[in-house]
Amino acid sequence: MTQRCIEIVIGRLVTDEDFRSTFLSDPHRALGELLERGTHLSHAEIAALIAIDSALWERVAAEIDPRLQKASLKS
């Protein structure tokens, strides 16, 4: 189940603008909210996700077709 949870987090990071924004400003809060909703991540997985160059998520998101993106409705 852990690999599936990693896939979910990565999917959210590249397709969900609000989640990505929260993660980039406060990764512990963003991942903590997922953990509270039942996503299972080990301490090592959390550390690995946080260690990834944050610019990667913006670069990948920019390459994803907008039809697959969840745009932010925040102003």
N, C-alpha and C. Protein backbone atom coordinates (compact mmCIF):
# COMPACT_ATOMS: atom_id res chain seq x y z
N MET A 1 0.82 -1.19 0.00
CA MET A 1 0.00 0.00 0.00
C MET A 1 0.87 1.26 0.00
N THR A 2 2.05 1.21 0.54
CA THR A 2 2.89 2.38 0.60
C THR A 2 3.23 2.91 -0.78
N GLN A 3 3.57 2.04 -1.72
CA GLN A 3 3.90 2.50 -3.07
C GLN A 3 2.70 3.22 -3.68
N ARG A 4 1.52 2.72 -3.47
CA ARG A 4 0.32 3.38 -3.98
C ARG A 4 0.16 4.77 -3.36
N CYS A 5 0.46 4.88 -2.09
CA CYS A 5 0.36 6.19 -1.43
C CYS A 5 1.37 7.17 -2.00
N ILE A 6 2.58 6.71 -2.27
CA ILE A 6 3.59 7.56 -2.91
C ILE A 6 3.08 8.03 -4.26
N GLU A 7 2.50 7.13 -5.03
CA GLU A 7 1.96 7.50 -6.34
C GLU A 7 0.86 8.55 -6.20
N ILE A 8 0.03 8.42 -5.19
CA ILE A 8 -1.04 9.39 -4.96
C ILE A 8 -0.45 10.76 -4.64
N VAL A 9 0.55 10.80 -3.76
CA VAL A 9 1.17 12.07 -3.38
C VAL A 9 1.82 12.72 -4.60
N ILE A 10 2.57 11.96 -5.36
CA ILE A 10 3.23 12.51 -6.55
C ILE A 10 2.19 12.99 -7.55
N GLY A 11 1.13 12.23 -7.73
CA GLY A 11 0.06 12.65 -8.62
C GLY A 11 -0.56 13.96 -8.18
N ARG A 12 -0.79 14.10 -6.89
CA ARG A 12 -1.34 15.36 -6.37
C ARG A 12 -0.37 16.50 -6.58
N LEU A 13 0.91 16.24 -6.37
CA LEU A 13 1.91 17.30 -6.53
C LEU A 13 1.97 17.85 -7.96
N VAL A 14 1.72 17.00 -8.93
CA VAL A 14 1.83 17.48 -10.32
C VAL A 14 0.49 17.87 -10.93
N THR A 15 -0.63 17.53 -10.28
CA THR A 15 -1.92 17.86 -10.89
C THR A 15 -2.82 18.76 -10.04
N ASP A 16 -2.48 18.98 -8.77
CA ASP A 16 -3.35 19.75 -7.88
C ASP A 16 -2.60 21.02 -7.45
N GLU A 17 -2.98 22.13 -8.04
CA GLU A 17 -2.28 23.39 -7.81
C GLU A 17 -2.29 23.82 -6.34
N ASP A 18 -3.43 23.69 -5.68
CA ASP A 18 -3.52 24.08 -4.27
C ASP A 18 -2.63 23.20 -3.39
N PHE A 19 -2.67 21.90 -3.61
CA PHE A 19 -1.85 20.99 -2.82
C PHE A 19 -0.37 21.29 -3.05
N ARG A 20 0.00 21.47 -4.32
CA ARG A 20 1.40 21.77 -4.66
C ARG A 20 1.85 23.06 -3.98
N SER A 21 1.02 24.08 -4.01
CA SER A 21 1.35 25.35 -3.38
C SER A 21 1.56 25.17 -1.87
N THR A 22 0.68 24.43 -1.23
CA THR A 22 0.82 24.17 0.20
C THR A 22 2.10 23.39 0.46
N PHE A 23 2.36 22.38 -0.34
CA PHE A 23 3.57 21.56 -0.17
C PHE A 23 4.83 22.40 -0.33
N LEU A 24 4.84 23.27 -1.32
CA LEU A 24 6.03 24.08 -1.56
C LEU A 24 6.28 25.08 -0.44
N SER A 25 5.23 25.57 0.19
CA SER A 25 5.42 26.52 1.28
C SER A 25 5.60 25.84 2.63
N ASP A 26 4.97 24.68 2.82
CA ASP A 26 5.05 23.97 4.11
C ASP A 26 4.82 22.47 3.87
N PRO A 27 5.85 21.77 3.43
CA PRO A 27 5.67 20.35 3.09
C PRO A 27 5.19 19.49 4.25
N HIS A 28 5.63 19.79 5.45
CA HIS A 28 5.18 19.00 6.61
C HIS A 28 3.68 19.15 6.81
N ARG A 29 3.16 20.35 6.66
CA ARG A 29 1.72 20.56 6.81
C ARG A 29 0.95 19.83 5.72
N ALA A 30 1.41 19.96 4.47
CA ALA A 30 0.71 19.32 3.35
C ALA A 30 0.67 17.81 3.53
N LEU A 31 1.81 17.22 3.87
CA LEU A 31 1.84 15.77 4.05
C LEU A 31 1.10 15.36 5.32
N GLY A 32 1.15 16.19 6.35
CA GLY A 32 0.41 15.90 7.58
C GLY A 32 -1.08 15.82 7.33
N GLU A 33 -1.58 16.72 6.49
CA GLU A 33 -3.01 16.69 6.15
C GLU A 33 -3.38 15.41 5.42
N LEU A 34 -2.49 14.95 4.54
CA LEU A 34 -2.76 13.68 3.85
C LEU A 34 -2.73 12.51 4.84
N LEU A 35 -1.79 12.54 5.76
CA LEU A 35 -1.71 11.48 6.77
C LEU A 35 -2.97 11.44 7.61
N GLU A 36 -3.50 12.61 7.96
CA GLU A 36 -4.73 12.67 8.75
C GLU A 36 -5.91 12.08 7.99
N ARG A 37 -5.86 12.12 6.66
CA ARG A 37 -6.95 11.58 5.83
C ARG A 37 -6.72 10.12 5.45
N GLY A 38 -5.69 9.50 6.01
CA GLY A 38 -5.51 8.07 5.80
C GLY A 38 -4.42 7.67 4.83
N THR A 39 -3.68 8.62 4.29
CA THR A 39 -2.56 8.26 3.43
C THR A 39 -1.43 7.75 4.32
N HIS A 40 -0.86 6.63 3.97
CA HIS A 40 0.18 6.02 4.79
C HIS A 40 1.55 6.28 4.17
N LEU A 41 2.39 6.99 4.90
CA LEU A 41 3.75 7.26 4.47
C LEU A 41 4.68 7.02 5.65
N SER A 42 5.82 6.41 5.37
CA SER A 42 6.81 6.22 6.43
C SER A 42 7.60 7.51 6.62
N HIS A 43 8.34 7.57 7.71
CA HIS A 43 9.19 8.74 7.95
C HIS A 43 10.22 8.89 6.82
N ALA A 44 10.74 7.77 6.35
CA ALA A 44 11.73 7.80 5.27
C ALA A 44 11.11 8.32 3.97
N GLU A 45 9.87 7.93 3.70
CA GLU A 45 9.20 8.42 2.49
C GLU A 45 8.91 9.91 2.58
N ILE A 46 8.49 10.36 3.74
CA ILE A 46 8.24 11.79 3.94
C ILE A 46 9.54 12.57 3.74
N ALA A 47 10.61 12.10 4.33
CA ALA A 47 11.91 12.76 4.18
C ALA A 47 12.35 12.79 2.72
N ALA A 48 12.12 11.69 2.01
CA ALA A 48 12.52 11.62 0.61
C ALA A 48 11.72 12.60 -0.24
N LEU A 49 10.42 12.70 -0.01
CA LEU A 49 9.59 13.64 -0.76
C LEU A 49 10.01 15.08 -0.50
N ILE A 50 10.30 15.39 0.76
CA ILE A 50 10.70 16.74 1.12
C ILE A 50 12.08 17.08 0.54
N ALA A 51 12.94 16.08 0.41
CA ALA A 51 14.31 16.30 -0.09
C ALA A 51 14.37 16.58 -1.60
N ILE A 52 13.32 16.22 -2.32
CA ILE A 52 13.31 16.45 -3.77
C ILE A 52 13.29 17.95 -4.03
N ASP A 53 14.10 18.38 -4.99
CA ASP A 53 14.15 19.80 -5.36
C ASP A 53 12.73 20.27 -5.66
N SER A 54 12.28 21.25 -4.90
CA SER A 54 10.89 21.72 -5.03
C SER A 54 10.58 22.26 -6.42
N ALA A 55 11.58 22.75 -7.13
CA ALA A 55 11.34 23.26 -8.48
C ALA A 55 10.89 22.15 -9.43
N LEU A 56 11.23 20.92 -9.10
CA LEU A 56 10.82 19.79 -9.96
C LEU A 56 9.31 19.73 -10.10
N TRP A 57 8.60 19.93 -8.98
CA TRP A 57 7.13 19.81 -9.02
C TRP A 57 6.52 20.87 -9.93
N GLU A 58 7.05 22.06 -9.91
CA GLU A 58 6.55 23.12 -10.80
C GLU A 58 6.87 22.81 -12.25
N ARG A 59 8.08 22.30 -12.50
CA ARG A 59 8.47 21.97 -13.89
C ARG A 59 7.59 20.86 -14.45
N VAL A 60 7.38 19.82 -13.67
CA VAL A 60 6.55 18.70 -14.15
C VAL A 60 5.12 19.16 -14.34
N ALA A 61 4.59 19.92 -13.39
CA ALA A 61 3.21 20.41 -13.50
C ALA A 61 3.03 21.25 -14.75
N ALA A 62 4.03 22.02 -15.12
CA ALA A 62 3.95 22.87 -16.31
C ALA A 62 3.86 22.03 -17.59
N GLU A 63 4.35 20.80 -17.53
CA GLU A 63 4.34 19.92 -18.71
C GLU A 63 3.07 19.07 -18.82
N ILE A 64 2.29 19.02 -17.75
CA ILE A 64 1.06 18.21 -17.74
C ILE A 64 -0.03 18.96 -18.50
N ASP A 65 -0.73 18.25 -19.33
CA ASP A 65 -1.84 18.85 -20.08
C ASP A 65 -2.82 19.50 -19.10
N PRO A 66 -3.21 20.75 -19.35
CA PRO A 66 -4.12 21.45 -18.44
C PRO A 66 -5.43 20.71 -18.19
N ARG A 67 -5.85 19.89 -19.11
CA ARG A 67 -7.09 19.12 -18.91
C ARG A 67 -6.95 18.11 -17.79
N LEU A 68 -5.72 17.81 -17.40
CA LEU A 68 -5.47 16.85 -16.32
C LEU A 68 -5.16 17.55 -14.99
N GLN A 69 -5.17 18.86 -15.00
CA GLN A 69 -4.83 19.65 -13.83
C GLN A 69 -6.08 20.02 -13.03
N LYS A 70 -5.90 20.12 -11.75
CA LYS A 70 -6.93 20.66 -10.86
C LYS A 70 -6.48 22.09 -10.55
N ALA A 71 -7.06 23.04 -11.20
CA ALA A 71 -6.67 24.44 -11.05
C ALA A 71 -7.15 24.98 -9.72
N SER A 72 -6.40 25.92 -9.20
CA SER A 72 -6.78 26.58 -7.96
C SER A 72 -7.90 27.56 -8.21
N LEU A 73 -8.86 27.59 -7.32
CA LEU A 73 -9.94 28.55 -7.40
C LEU A 73 -9.70 29.73 -6.46
N LYS A 74 -8.56 29.69 -5.77
CA LYS A 74 -8.21 30.79 -4.87
C LYS A 74 -7.74 31.97 -5.71
N SER A 75 -8.02 33.18 -5.22
CA SER A 75 -7.60 34.35 -5.98
C SER A 75 -6.21 34.76 -5.60
